[in-house]
């Protein structure tokens, strides 16, 4: 299961690189049939691997739950009668039923998801470094700056912030009025109209915060 998870994560990380190759081929008028075939094959292989991984993971989790319940039931049957006088039978049975079911959630949604997520983060970082080192440097600087300011946030000047927010609100109101009539006639205009509406609310929030 762990090997399948790693292979599936690698297949998912290779897809953006192949898509870039296809787009570069279209822009340069080069044949892209081979790259498209590899991309389709990679998608199919990734889906098959993901399905097989899910099946094996669920089977492993169900086997773990079954083994745990058998051991708990065997243990309960060997307990002396005095133990049942001290504890409610329903509580003991819930250990066998409900509590052992949590093991399935830990295996299927906890442990391997964390491992797969860590592999995807590392792989995405390497892929970004290969595809665009400059973008990777900018992203790394943004993360570092955000972490640095987390504990020592700079003071925000309320006056300039308020002035910029008011200008942004005025510009968004004008754009909102201009796009409102055509929003029902064109899908692109409707998208721009909704975006301006979102920016307008953001500008109002900045004014309130200032």
Protein backbone atom coordinates (compact mmCIF):
# COMPACT_ATOMS: atom_id res chain seq x y z
CA UNK A 1 0.00 0.00 0.00
CA UNK A 2 2.83 2.39 0.84
CA UNK A 3 4.56 1.69 -2.47
CA UNK A 4 1.33 2.23 -4.40
CA UNK A 5 0.79 5.51 -2.57
CA UNK A 6 4.25 6.72 -3.54
CA UNK A 7 3.80 5.66 -7.17
CA UNK A 8 0.37 7.33 -7.38
CA UNK A 9 1.78 10.52 -5.89
CA UNK A 10 4.62 10.46 -8.42
CA UNK A 11 2.15 9.99 -11.28
CA UNK A 12 0.10 12.94 -10.05
CA UNK A 13 3.19 15.12 -9.84
CA UNK A 14 4.28 14.24 -13.39
CA UNK A 15 1.00 15.41 -14.90
CA UNK A 16 1.73 19.19 -14.72
CA UNK A 17 5.10 18.62 -16.43
CA UNK A 18 3.45 16.73 -19.27
CA UNK A 19 0.74 19.37 -19.58
CA UNK A 20 3.45 22.02 -19.89
CA UNK A 21 5.11 19.94 -22.62
CA UNK A 22 1.81 19.71 -24.50
CA UNK A 23 1.17 23.45 -24.22
CA UNK A 24 4.72 24.29 -25.31
CA UNK A 25 4.30 21.97 -28.30
CA UNK A 26 1.06 23.67 -29.30
CA UNK A 27 2.68 27.11 -29.02
CA UNK A 28 5.69 25.99 -31.11
CA UNK A 29 3.55 24.04 -33.63
CA UNK A 30 5.33 20.79 -32.79
CA UNK A 31 3.69 17.32 -32.83
CA UNK A 32 2.09 16.61 -29.48
CA UNK A 33 0.50 13.22 -30.12
CA UNK A 34 3.20 11.38 -28.17
CA UNK A 35 2.98 13.71 -25.16
CA UNK A 36 -0.82 13.52 -25.15
CA UNK A 37 -0.71 9.71 -25.32
CA UNK A 38 1.73 9.60 -22.40
CA UNK A 39 -0.47 12.01 -20.43
CA UNK A 40 -3.60 9.93 -21.04
CA UNK A 41 -1.74 6.75 -20.11
CA UNK A 42 -0.45 8.41 -16.97
CA UNK A 43 -3.96 9.51 -15.99
CA UNK A 44 -5.34 6.00 -16.52
CA UNK A 45 -2.44 4.43 -14.63
CA UNK A 46 -2.89 6.90 -11.77
CA UNK A 47 -6.61 6.13 -11.54
CA UNK A 48 -5.93 2.38 -11.55
CA UNK A 49 -3.23 2.67 -8.92
CA UNK A 50 -5.43 4.86 -6.76
CA UNK A 51 -8.29 2.37 -6.98
CA UNK A 52 -6.01 -0.55 -6.13
CA UNK A 53 -4.49 1.38 -3.24
CA UNK A 54 -7.93 2.22 -1.86
CA UNK A 55 -9.01 -1.43 -2.11
CA UNK A 56 -5.90 -2.73 -0.36
CA UNK A 57 -6.13 -0.02 2.27
CA UNK A 58 -9.75 -0.79 3.06
CA UNK A 59 -9.02 -4.52 3.15
CA UNK A 60 -6.09 -3.98 5.52
CA UNK A 61 -8.19 -1.74 7.76
CA UNK A 62 -11.07 -4.23 7.88
CA UNK A 63 -8.64 -7.04 8.70
CA UNK A 64 -7.18 -4.97 11.50
CA UNK A 65 -10.63 -4.25 12.92
CA UNK A 66 -11.59 -7.94 12.71
CA UNK A 67 -8.41 -9.06 14.48
CA UNK A 68 -8.85 -6.44 17.19
CA UNK A 69 -12.48 -7.39 17.80
CA UNK A 70 -11.60 -11.08 18.05
CA UNK A 71 -8.89 -10.37 20.61
CA UNK A 72 -11.16 -8.10 22.62
CA UNK A 73 -13.99 -10.62 22.57
CA UNK A 74 -11.62 -13.39 23.64
CA UNK A 75 -10.36 -11.19 26.46
CA UNK A 76 -13.89 -10.34 27.61
CA UNK A 77 -14.90 -14.00 27.66
CA UNK A 78 -11.99 -14.80 29.96
CA UNK A 79 -12.74 -12.05 32.46
CA UNK A 80 -13.97 -13.17 35.89
CA UNK A 81 -17.59 -12.52 36.80
CA UNK A 82 -16.52 -9.89 39.35
CA UNK A 83 -15.33 -7.63 36.52
CA UNK A 84 -18.84 -7.60 35.02
CA UNK A 85 -20.24 -6.63 38.42
CA UNK A 86 -17.95 -3.59 38.51
CA UNK A 87 -18.57 -2.43 34.93
CA UNK A 88 -21.64 -2.13 32.76
CA UNK A 89 -21.87 -4.72 30.03
CA UNK A 90 -22.79 -2.07 27.46
CA UNK A 91 -19.55 -0.21 28.08
CA UNK A 92 -17.53 -3.36 27.53
CA UNK A 93 -19.37 -4.20 24.33
CA UNK A 94 -18.85 -0.66 23.02
CA UNK A 95 -15.12 -1.25 23.27
CA UNK A 96 -15.50 -4.19 20.92
CA UNK A 97 -17.79 -2.40 18.49
CA UNK A 98 -17.49 1.37 18.32
CA UNK A 99 -13.97 1.86 19.65
CA UNK A 100 -12.39 -0.74 17.39
CA UNK A 101 -14.02 0.94 14.39
CA UNK A 102 -11.84 3.99 15.04
CA UNK A 103 -8.86 1.93 13.97
CA UNK A 104 -10.28 1.83 10.46
CA UNK A 105 -10.49 5.61 10.35
CA UNK A 106 -6.93 5.93 11.61
CA UNK A 107 -5.60 3.60 8.93
CA UNK A 108 -7.68 4.82 5.98
CA UNK A 109 -8.00 8.54 6.71
CA UNK A 110 -5.19 9.27 9.10
CA UNK A 111 -1.83 7.59 8.75
CA UNK A 112 -1.57 7.08 5.01
CA UNK A 113 -3.21 10.40 4.19
CA UNK A 114 -0.56 12.19 6.23
CA UNK A 115 2.23 10.24 4.53
CA UNK A 116 0.76 10.82 1.06
CA UNK A 117 0.30 14.51 1.79
CA UNK A 118 3.91 14.85 2.91
CA UNK A 119 5.10 13.11 -0.25
CA UNK A 120 2.95 15.41 -2.39
CA UNK A 121 4.34 18.52 -0.68
CA UNK A 122 7.93 17.40 -1.19
CA UNK A 123 7.26 16.37 -4.78
CA UNK A 124 5.43 19.61 -5.59
CA UNK A 125 8.32 21.60 -4.16
CA UNK A 126 10.81 19.73 -6.34
CA UNK A 127 8.57 20.08 -9.40
CA UNK A 128 8.20 23.83 -8.83
CA UNK A 129 11.95 24.15 -8.50
CA UNK A 130 12.42 22.36 -11.83
CA UNK A 131 9.65 24.14 -13.74
CA UNK A 132 10.24 27.72 -12.55
CA UNK A 133 13.07 28.41 -10.07
CA UNK A 134 12.16 32.10 -9.96
CA UNK A 135 8.57 31.38 -8.95
CA UNK A 136 9.86 28.92 -6.36
CA UNK A 137 12.13 31.60 -4.93
CA UNK A 138 9.27 34.09 -4.74
CA UNK A 139 7.01 31.55 -3.03
CA UNK A 140 9.75 30.62 -0.57
CA UNK A 141 10.33 34.29 0.25
CA UNK A 142 6.59 34.85 0.81
CA UNK A 143 6.43 31.86 3.17
CA UNK A 144 9.53 33.01 5.05
CA UNK A 145 8.24 36.57 5.35
CA UNK A 146 4.85 35.36 6.58
CA UNK A 147 6.51 33.14 9.20
CA UNK A 148 8.72 36.02 10.32
CA UNK A 149 5.79 38.39 10.71
CA UNK A 150 3.67 35.82 12.53
CA UNK A 151 5.33 36.55 15.85
CA UNK A 152 6.32 40.17 15.14
CA UNK A 153 3.56 41.74 13.06
CA UNK A 154 4.38 45.27 11.82
CA UNK A 155 2.08 48.12 12.75
CA UNK A 156 -0.43 48.97 10.03
CA UNK A 157 -0.86 52.69 9.35
CA UNK A 158 -4.60 53.31 9.59
CA UNK A 159 -4.58 56.59 7.61
CA UNK A 160 -2.98 55.35 4.35
CA UNK A 161 -4.91 52.10 4.62
CA UNK A 162 -8.20 53.98 4.91
CA UNK A 163 -7.35 56.25 1.96
CA UNK A 164 -6.41 53.34 -0.31
CA UNK A 165 -9.53 51.43 0.76
CA UNK A 166 -11.76 54.40 -0.07
CA UNK A 167 -10.16 54.75 -3.52
CA UNK A 168 -10.57 51.03 -4.10
CA UNK A 169 -14.21 51.19 -3.01
CA UNK A 170 -14.92 54.09 -5.39
CA UNK A 171 -13.27 52.28 -8.31
CA UNK A 172 -15.17 49.10 -7.55
CA UNK A 173 -18.49 50.96 -7.34
CA UNK A 174 -17.89 52.50 -10.76
CA UNK A 175 -16.93 49.14 -12.26
CA UNK A 176 -19.92 47.52 -10.56
CA UNK A 177 -22.35 50.00 -12.13
CA UNK A 178 -20.75 49.65 -15.57
CA UNK A 179 -20.85 45.86 -15.58
CA UNK A 180 -24.27 45.39 -14.01
CA UNK A 181 -26.28 45.86 -17.21
CA UNK A 182 -24.21 43.49 -19.33
CA UNK A 183 -23.83 40.79 -16.71
CA UNK A 184 -26.96 39.00 -17.93
CA UNK A 185 -25.86 38.96 -21.60
CA UNK A 186 -22.34 37.55 -21.42
CA UNK A 187 -20.78 34.88 -19.24
CA UNK A 188 -17.43 36.68 -19.23
CA UNK A 189 -19.03 39.95 -18.17
CA UNK A 190 -20.94 38.12 -15.46
CA UNK A 191 -17.68 36.65 -14.13
CA UNK A 192 -16.07 40.11 -14.08
CA UNK A 193 -19.21 41.50 -12.42
CA UNK A 194 -19.05 38.93 -9.63
CA UNK A 195 -15.33 39.54 -9.18
CA UNK A 196 -15.90 43.28 -8.84
CA UNK A 197 -18.67 42.59 -6.34
CA UNK A 198 -16.26 40.51 -4.28
CA UNK A 199 -13.63 43.26 -4.44
CA UNK A 200 -16.22 45.81 -3.39
CA UNK A 201 -17.02 43.83 -0.26
CA UNK A 202 -13.31 43.50 0.44
CA UNK A 203 -12.81 47.25 0.15
CA UNK A 204 -15.70 47.86 2.53
CA UNK A 205 -14.15 45.41 4.99
CA UNK A 206 -10.80 47.22 4.79
CA UNK A 207 -12.53 50.55 5.53
CA UNK A 208 -14.24 49.05 8.57
CA UNK A 209 -10.95 47.56 9.76
CA UNK A 210 -9.15 50.88 9.40
